[in-house]
Structures are given as C-alpha cells and as structure tokens.
Amino acid sequence: MPKMKTKSSAKKRFSFTGTGKVRANQANKQHGMIKRTNKQIRNQRGTTILEKSDAKLVKAYMPYR
C-alpha cells in the first residue's frame, strides 16, 4: 500500500499539541481591525484549539501527524 499524502494546505495552517489536539490560528484577524473592539482584538491573539468535529477533518488531512 503506498503512503498517503498530507494535504499541503493543512500542514501550513495547523499544528498539533502534545496530547494530539489541533492548534490553529485565530479567525477574523486578517484585516479590518479598526472596526473591531479592543476586547475582540485582544481575545484573538495567538492560536486556538479546534473543536472535536473540526479537528477530526484536519486529522484526516494529516495522516502522519
């Protein structure tokens, strides 16, 4: 059986924690910050852990995580 390929788009956007959870960049942070509240900007710093249903899809894209 040949090796499965990792989706290139997924490996650029997601990483995994030591316990196997999926880490991703915060959404809605690319442009238009002037419209957003300071609280929203502050809360969207850094990364976030994906929900189980979303993480399941990402794990299918990255078989050798």
N, C-alpha and C. Protein backbone atom coordinates (compact mmCIF):
# COMPACT_ATOMS: atom_id res chain seq x y z
N MET A 1 0.85 -1.19 0.00
CA MET A 1 0.00 0.00 0.00
C MET A 1 0.89 1.25 0.00
N PRO A 2 0.68 2.16 -0.94
CA PRO A 2 1.50 3.37 -0.97
C PRO A 2 1.19 4.30 0.20
N LYS A 3 2.12 5.17 0.48
CA LYS A 3 1.92 6.13 1.56
C LYS A 3 0.82 7.12 1.18
N MET A 4 0.10 7.59 2.19
CA MET A 4 -0.91 8.62 1.96
C MET A 4 -0.23 9.97 1.96
N LYS A 5 -0.74 10.92 1.18
CA LYS A 5 -0.16 12.25 1.13
C LYS A 5 -0.85 13.17 2.13
N THR A 6 -0.04 14.00 2.78
CA THR A 6 -0.57 15.05 3.65
C THR A 6 -1.01 16.22 2.78
N LYS A 7 -2.16 16.80 3.10
CA LYS A 7 -2.62 17.99 2.37
C LYS A 7 -1.69 19.15 2.70
N SER A 8 -1.09 19.75 1.67
CA SER A 8 -0.14 20.83 1.88
C SER A 8 -0.77 22.03 2.56
N SER A 9 -2.04 22.31 2.22
CA SER A 9 -2.71 23.46 2.84
C SER A 9 -2.90 23.24 4.33
N ALA A 10 -3.15 22.00 4.73
CA ALA A 10 -3.38 21.71 6.15
C ALA A 10 -2.08 21.81 6.96
N LYS A 11 -0.98 21.32 6.39
CA LYS A 11 0.26 21.34 7.16
C LYS A 11 0.78 22.76 7.38
N LYS A 12 0.37 23.70 6.48
CA LYS A 12 0.77 25.09 6.66
C LYS A 12 -0.08 25.80 7.71
N ARG A 13 -1.30 25.33 7.94
CA ARG A 13 -2.26 26.06 8.77
C ARG A 13 -2.46 25.48 10.16
N PHE A 14 -2.17 24.19 10.36
CA PHE A 14 -2.49 23.54 11.62
C PHE A 14 -1.25 22.86 12.20
N SER A 15 -1.23 22.78 13.53
CA SER A 15 -0.19 22.00 14.20
C SER A 15 -0.87 21.24 15.34
N PHE A 16 -0.14 20.35 15.97
CA PHE A 16 -0.73 19.50 16.99
C PHE A 16 -0.04 19.73 18.33
N THR A 17 -0.84 19.63 19.40
CA THR A 17 -0.29 19.73 20.75
C THR A 17 0.29 18.37 21.13
N GLY A 18 0.92 18.30 22.26
CA GLY A 18 1.50 17.05 22.72
C GLY A 18 0.46 15.98 22.98
N THR A 19 -0.76 16.39 23.33
CA THR A 19 -1.83 15.43 23.63
C THR A 19 -2.67 15.09 22.40
N GLY A 20 -2.31 15.66 21.22
CA GLY A 20 -3.00 15.31 19.99
C GLY A 20 -4.11 16.25 19.58
N LYS A 21 -4.32 17.33 20.31
CA LYS A 21 -5.33 18.31 19.92
C LYS A 21 -4.78 19.15 18.76
N VAL A 22 -5.69 19.74 18.00
CA VAL A 22 -5.29 20.51 16.82
C VAL A 22 -5.27 22.00 17.16
N ARG A 23 -4.13 22.63 16.89
CA ARG A 23 -3.96 24.06 17.15
C ARG A 23 -4.05 24.81 15.82
N ALA A 24 -4.76 25.96 15.83
CA ALA A 24 -4.94 26.74 14.61
C ALA A 24 -4.85 28.22 14.93
N ASN A 25 -4.58 29.02 13.91
CA ASN A 25 -4.59 30.46 14.08
C ASN A 25 -6.01 30.95 14.30
N GLN A 26 -6.16 32.07 14.98
CA GLN A 26 -7.46 32.66 15.22
C GLN A 26 -8.04 33.17 13.90
N ALA A 27 -9.34 33.02 13.73
CA ALA A 27 -10.02 33.50 12.53
C ALA A 27 -10.34 34.99 12.68
N ASN A 28 -10.65 35.63 11.56
CA ASN A 28 -11.11 37.03 11.52
C ASN A 28 -10.06 38.03 11.99
N LYS A 29 -8.80 37.78 11.64
CA LYS A 29 -7.73 38.69 12.09
C LYS A 29 -6.89 39.21 10.92
N GLN A 30 -7.37 39.09 9.68
CA GLN A 30 -6.53 39.46 8.55
C GLN A 30 -6.58 40.94 8.24
N HIS A 31 -7.75 41.55 8.34
CA HIS A 31 -7.86 42.97 8.01
C HIS A 31 -9.10 43.53 8.71
N GLY A 32 -9.26 44.85 8.66
CA GLY A 32 -10.44 45.49 9.23
C GLY A 32 -10.42 45.58 10.74
N MET A 33 -9.22 45.67 11.33
CA MET A 33 -9.14 45.73 12.79
C MET A 33 -9.74 47.01 13.36
N ILE A 34 -9.81 48.07 12.55
CA ILE A 34 -10.30 49.35 13.03
C ILE A 34 -11.77 49.24 13.45
N LYS A 35 -12.51 48.30 12.82
CA LYS A 35 -13.93 48.12 13.14
C LYS A 35 -14.14 47.32 14.41
N ARG A 36 -13.17 46.55 14.80
CA ARG A 36 -13.36 45.61 15.90
C ARG A 36 -13.04 46.26 17.24
N THR A 37 -13.65 45.73 18.28
CA THR A 37 -13.39 46.27 19.61
C THR A 37 -12.01 45.82 20.08
N ASN A 38 -11.46 46.57 21.01
CA ASN A 38 -10.15 46.20 21.56
C ASN A 38 -10.22 44.85 22.24
N LYS A 39 -11.34 44.55 22.88
CA LYS A 39 -11.52 43.26 23.55
C LYS A 39 -11.45 42.12 22.54
N GLN A 40 -12.10 42.30 21.39
CA GLN A 40 -12.10 41.26 20.37
C GLN A 40 -10.70 41.04 19.82
N ILE A 41 -9.99 42.13 19.56
CA ILE A 41 -8.62 42.02 19.05
C ILE A 41 -7.73 41.31 20.06
N ARG A 42 -7.89 41.66 21.32
CA ARG A 42 -7.09 41.06 22.39
C ARG A 42 -7.37 39.56 22.51
N ASN A 43 -8.64 39.19 22.42
CA ASN A 43 -9.01 37.78 22.58
C ASN A 43 -8.61 36.93 21.39
N GLN A 44 -8.33 37.55 20.25
CA GLN A 44 -7.97 36.79 19.06
C GLN A 44 -6.47 36.70 18.85
N ARG A 45 -5.69 37.11 19.82
CA ARG A 45 -4.24 36.95 19.71
C ARG A 45 -3.84 35.48 19.75
N GLY A 46 -2.75 35.15 19.11
CA GLY A 46 -2.19 33.82 19.23
C GLY A 46 -2.99 32.75 18.49
N THR A 47 -3.10 31.58 19.10
CA THR A 47 -3.74 30.44 18.47
C THR A 47 -4.90 29.94 19.33
N THR A 48 -5.64 29.00 18.78
CA THR A 48 -6.77 28.40 19.49
C THR A 48 -6.78 26.90 19.24
N ILE A 49 -7.48 26.16 20.07
CA ILE A 49 -7.64 24.72 19.91
C ILE A 49 -8.96 24.48 19.18
N LEU A 50 -8.93 23.66 18.13
CA LEU A 50 -10.14 23.40 17.35
C LEU A 50 -11.10 22.49 18.12
N GLU A 51 -12.39 22.63 17.80
CA GLU A 51 -13.41 21.75 18.36
C GLU A 51 -13.22 20.34 17.79
N LYS A 52 -13.81 19.35 18.48
CA LYS A 52 -13.63 17.95 18.09
C LYS A 52 -14.02 17.67 16.64
N SER A 53 -15.17 18.22 16.21
CA SER A 53 -15.66 17.93 14.87
C SER A 53 -14.74 18.50 13.80
N ASP A 54 -14.22 19.70 14.05
CA ASP A 54 -13.29 20.30 13.11
C ASP A 54 -11.94 19.59 13.13
N ALA A 55 -11.51 19.20 14.31
CA ALA A 55 -10.23 18.52 14.45
C ALA A 55 -10.23 17.18 13.72
N LYS A 56 -11.38 16.53 13.70
CA LYS A 56 -11.49 15.24 13.02
C LYS A 56 -11.19 15.38 11.53
N LEU A 57 -11.69 16.46 10.91
CA LEU A 57 -11.42 16.72 9.50
C LEU A 57 -9.94 16.97 9.26
N VAL A 58 -9.33 17.77 10.12
CA VAL A 58 -7.92 18.11 9.95
C VAL A 58 -7.05 16.87 10.10
N LYS A 59 -7.39 16.00 11.04
CA LYS A 59 -6.60 14.78 11.24
C LYS A 59 -6.68 13.86 10.02
N ALA A 60 -7.79 13.91 9.30
CA ALA A 60 -7.91 13.11 8.08
C ALA A 60 -6.99 13.64 7.00
N TYR A 61 -6.75 14.95 6.99
CA TYR A 61 -5.85 15.57 6.02
C TYR A 61 -4.39 15.33 6.34
N MET A 62 -4.10 15.02 7.61
CA MET A 62 -2.70 14.86 8.05
C MET A 62 -2.52 13.48 8.68
N PRO A 63 -2.40 12.45 7.87
CA PRO A 63 -2.38 11.09 8.41
C PRO A 63 -1.15 10.75 9.24
N TYR A 64 -0.03 11.47 9.06
CA TYR A 64 1.19 11.13 9.80
C TYR A 64 1.58 12.22 10.79
N ARG A 65 0.60 12.88 11.36
CA ARG A 65 0.81 14.00 12.27
C ARG A 65 1.80 13.71 13.37
